[in-house]
Amino acid sequence: MREATLGIGSNMPYRSMLPIDIVKAACAELRPLFVSFTASSIYRTQALYIADQSDFYNMVVQGAVREGLTPHALLAEIHKIEAKYGRNRKKEIRFGPRSLDIDIELFGDMEIDDETLTIPHPRMRERAFVLVPFLEILKRRARGDDDRGAVSLLIKKYGADLEKLSDQRIERCCD
């Protein structure tokens, strides 16, 4: 079984749902795609790339994906969940406001770069809104994981990236 790390974000309401509630609902929708599943806290973060928009609510989920679920099959499931919560890729502005965005950040140690998917996510290491919740999960794992050495190396690697991003505003808002 391979482990996947996904980033979830929202800064636009959909129907009667606020962005924070959309993030929580997306997390619940993703859970059945995994055999084991860990979710970070939710963070309120400043928008990157296009600053003139509402803050985002972000979190990271990680776990062992169901047997037979390939990265491309996972992406197809993600797109269904995004559409359910109002995402329309044809009408949105790149890096602009959105009701739901779910990115595959990592999928085991796989590297993919094709017309539909790039893993590891090419901007993962420049985004505090991914690294902070990802490190939260890794630190929890380091306390109880059998493979503490590997987890500690990941914490060191991504922690060094995060140190360069101190100008990005991010605040924990709820578990």
Protein backbone atom coordinates (compact mmCIF):
# COMPACT_ATOMS: atom_id res chain seq x y z
CA MET A 1 0.00 0.00 0.00
CA ARG A 2 1.21 3.48 -0.84
CA GLU A 3 0.84 6.52 1.34
CA ALA A 4 -0.61 9.71 -0.12
CA THR A 5 -0.48 13.26 1.20
CA LEU A 6 -3.22 15.63 0.07
CA GLY A 7 -3.65 19.35 0.58
CA ILE A 8 -7.19 20.74 0.94
CA GLY A 9 -8.17 24.41 0.68
CA SER A 10 -11.17 26.69 0.28
CA ASN A 11 -11.80 30.43 0.36
CA MET A 12 -15.23 30.71 -1.24
CA PRO A 13 -18.61 29.63 0.08
CA TYR A 14 -20.71 27.16 -1.87
CA ARG A 15 -24.46 27.18 -1.44
CA SER A 16 -24.94 27.62 2.31
CA MET A 17 -21.51 26.23 3.26
CA LEU A 18 -18.69 28.43 4.51
CA PRO A 19 -15.13 27.65 3.34
CA ILE A 20 -14.13 26.10 6.68
CA ASP A 21 -17.13 23.76 6.49
CA ILE A 22 -16.28 22.80 2.91
CA VAL A 23 -12.76 21.82 4.03
CA LYS A 24 -14.22 19.68 6.83
CA ALA A 25 -16.72 18.05 4.46
CA ALA A 26 -14.02 17.34 1.87
CA CYS A 27 -11.91 15.69 4.56
CA ALA A 28 -14.83 13.39 5.42
CA GLU A 29 -15.38 12.60 1.71
CA LEU A 30 -11.72 11.65 1.27
CA ARG A 31 -11.55 9.30 4.27
CA PRO A 32 -13.08 6.24 2.48
CA LEU A 33 -10.30 6.39 -0.14
CA PHE A 34 -7.78 5.46 2.56
CA VAL A 35 -7.11 2.39 4.70
CA SER A 36 -5.43 4.52 7.36
CA PHE A 37 -6.04 8.26 7.60
CA THR A 38 -4.67 11.21 9.56
CA ALA A 39 -5.90 14.79 9.28
CA SER A 40 -4.12 17.93 10.39
CA SER A 41 -5.70 20.87 12.12
CA ILE A 42 -7.33 23.50 9.92
CA TYR A 43 -5.33 26.67 9.29
CA ARG A 44 -6.39 30.10 8.11
CA THR A 45 -3.86 31.35 5.58
CA GLN A 46 -3.25 34.32 3.38
CA ALA A 47 -3.86 33.85 -0.32
CA LEU A 48 -0.69 33.45 -2.38
CA TYR A 49 0.01 34.44 -5.97
CA ILE A 50 -3.16 36.61 -6.19
CA ALA A 51 -3.29 38.57 -2.94
CA ASP A 52 -6.61 40.38 -3.52
CA GLN A 53 -8.91 37.60 -2.33
CA SER A 54 -10.23 36.17 0.91
CA ASP A 55 -8.08 34.09 3.24
CA PHE A 56 -8.06 30.35 2.68
CA TYR A 57 -8.81 27.56 5.10
CA ASN A 58 -6.31 24.74 4.57
CA MET A 59 -5.44 21.34 5.95
CA VAL A 60 -3.47 18.25 4.98
CA VAL A 61 -4.57 14.64 5.12
CA GLN A 62 -2.30 11.64 4.86
CA GLY A 63 -2.62 7.91 4.90
CA ALA A 64 -2.35 4.60 3.10
CA VAL A 65 -4.59 4.63 0.03
CA ARG A 66 -6.92 1.73 -0.72
CA GLU A 67 -5.36 -1.17 -2.60
CA GLY A 68 -5.38 -0.59 -6.35
CA LEU A 69 -5.97 3.17 -6.14
CA THR A 70 -3.42 4.68 -8.52
CA PRO A 71 -2.44 8.36 -8.47
CA HIS A 72 -4.57 9.04 -11.56
CA ALA A 73 -7.55 7.16 -10.09
CA LEU A 74 -7.15 9.17 -6.87
CA LEU A 75 -7.08 12.37 -8.92
CA ALA A 76 -10.35 11.35 -10.63
CA GLU A 77 -11.97 10.82 -7.21
CA ILE A 78 -10.64 14.19 -6.04
CA HIS A 79 -12.15 15.93 -9.07
CA LYS A 80 -15.56 14.40 -8.26
CA ILE A 81 -15.36 15.70 -4.70
CA GLU A 82 -14.26 19.17 -5.86
CA ALA A 83 -17.17 19.32 -8.34
CA LYS A 84 -19.63 18.27 -5.62
CA TYR A 85 -18.61 21.39 -3.67
CA GLY A 86 -18.87 23.78 -6.61
CA ARG A 87 -15.46 23.74 -8.26
CA ASN A 88 -15.64 24.52 -11.96
CA ARG A 89 -12.14 24.42 -13.43
CA LYS A 90 -13.29 25.93 -16.74
CA LYS A 91 -14.58 29.12 -15.10
CA GLU A 92 -11.95 29.76 -12.44
CA ILE A 93 -8.93 32.04 -12.45
CA ARG A 94 -5.63 30.22 -11.88
CA PHE A 95 -4.63 30.73 -8.22
CA GLY A 96 -7.86 32.68 -7.70
CA PRO A 97 -10.77 32.12 -5.33
CA ARG A 98 -12.29 28.66 -5.21
CA SER A 99 -14.82 26.73 -3.21
CA LEU A 100 -12.56 23.68 -3.00
CA ASP A 101 -9.07 22.73 -4.11
CA ILE A 102 -7.56 19.34 -3.33
CA ASP A 103 -3.98 18.67 -4.44
CA ILE A 104 -2.02 15.43 -4.37
CA GLU A 105 1.20 16.58 -2.75
CA LEU A 106 2.93 13.19 -2.47
CA PHE A 107 2.08 9.63 -3.45
CA GLY A 108 4.60 7.35 -1.80
CA ASP A 109 7.96 8.00 -3.39
CA MET A 110 6.48 8.16 -6.88
CA GLU A 111 7.46 10.83 -9.37
CA ILE A 112 4.97 11.61 -12.10
CA ASP A 113 5.01 14.42 -14.64
CA ASP A 114 2.41 14.10 -17.36
CA GLU A 115 -0.34 16.25 -18.87
CA THR A 116 -2.73 15.69 -15.95
CA LEU A 117 -0.60 15.17 -12.87
CA THR A 118 2.73 16.17 -11.33
CA ILE A 119 3.92 14.40 -8.18
CA PRO A 120 5.51 15.57 -5.96
CA HIS A 121 3.39 18.70 -6.28
CA PRO A 122 5.66 21.30 -7.91
CA ARG A 123 4.79 24.12 -5.47
CA MET A 124 4.47 22.10 -2.26
CA ARG A 125 7.76 23.29 -0.80
CA GLU A 126 6.98 26.99 -1.34
CA ARG A 127 3.65 26.92 0.49
CA ALA A 128 3.43 27.31 4.25
CA PHE A 129 -0.24 26.34 3.98
CA VAL A 130 0.92 22.86 2.96
CA LEU A 131 4.12 22.54 4.99
CA VAL A 132 2.76 23.61 8.39
CA PRO A 133 -0.11 21.08 8.49
CA PHE A 134 2.09 18.41 6.85
CA LEU A 135 4.75 18.89 9.53
CA GLU A 136 2.03 18.72 12.20
CA ILE A 137 1.11 15.23 10.95
CA LEU A 138 4.75 14.15 10.64
CA LYS A 139 5.53 15.27 14.21
CA ARG A 140 2.57 13.27 15.52
CA ARG A 141 3.83 10.23 13.61
CA ALA A 142 7.38 10.69 14.91
CA ARG A 143 6.13 10.14 18.46
CA GLY A 144 4.58 6.76 17.72
CA ASP A 145 5.81 5.50 14.35
CA ASP A 146 8.00 2.43 14.04
CA ASP A 147 9.94 4.21 11.30
CA ARG A 148 10.87 7.28 13.37
CA GLY A 149 14.18 7.74 11.57
CA ALA A 150 12.57 8.20 8.15
CA VAL A 151 9.90 10.49 9.60
CA SER A 152 12.58 12.55 11.37
CA LEU A 153 14.42 13.02 8.06
CA LEU A 154 11.20 14.26 6.44
CA ILE A 155 10.63 16.69 9.31
CA LYS A 156 14.15 18.04 8.90
CA LYS A 157 13.82 18.35 5.10
CA TYR A 158 10.42 20.08 5.05
CA GLY A 159 11.14 22.08 8.20
CA ALA A 160 14.13 23.66 6.45
CA ASP A 161 11.83 24.63 3.57
CA LEU A 162 9.32 26.15 5.98
CA GLU A 163 11.97 28.35 7.61
CA LYS A 164 12.28 30.22 4.29
CA LEU A 165 8.56 31.04 4.28
CA SER A 166 8.26 33.13 7.44
CA ASP A 167 6.59 35.94 5.46
CA GLN A 168 3.49 33.78 4.77
CA ARG A 169 0.74 34.33 7.33
CA ILE A 170 -0.73 31.11 8.70
CA GLU A 171 -2.66 30.55 11.91
CA ARG A 172 -4.18 27.41 13.35
CA CYS A 173 -7.90 27.84 13.83
CA CYS A 174 -9.27 24.42 14.79
CA ASP A 175 -8.62 20.68 14.98
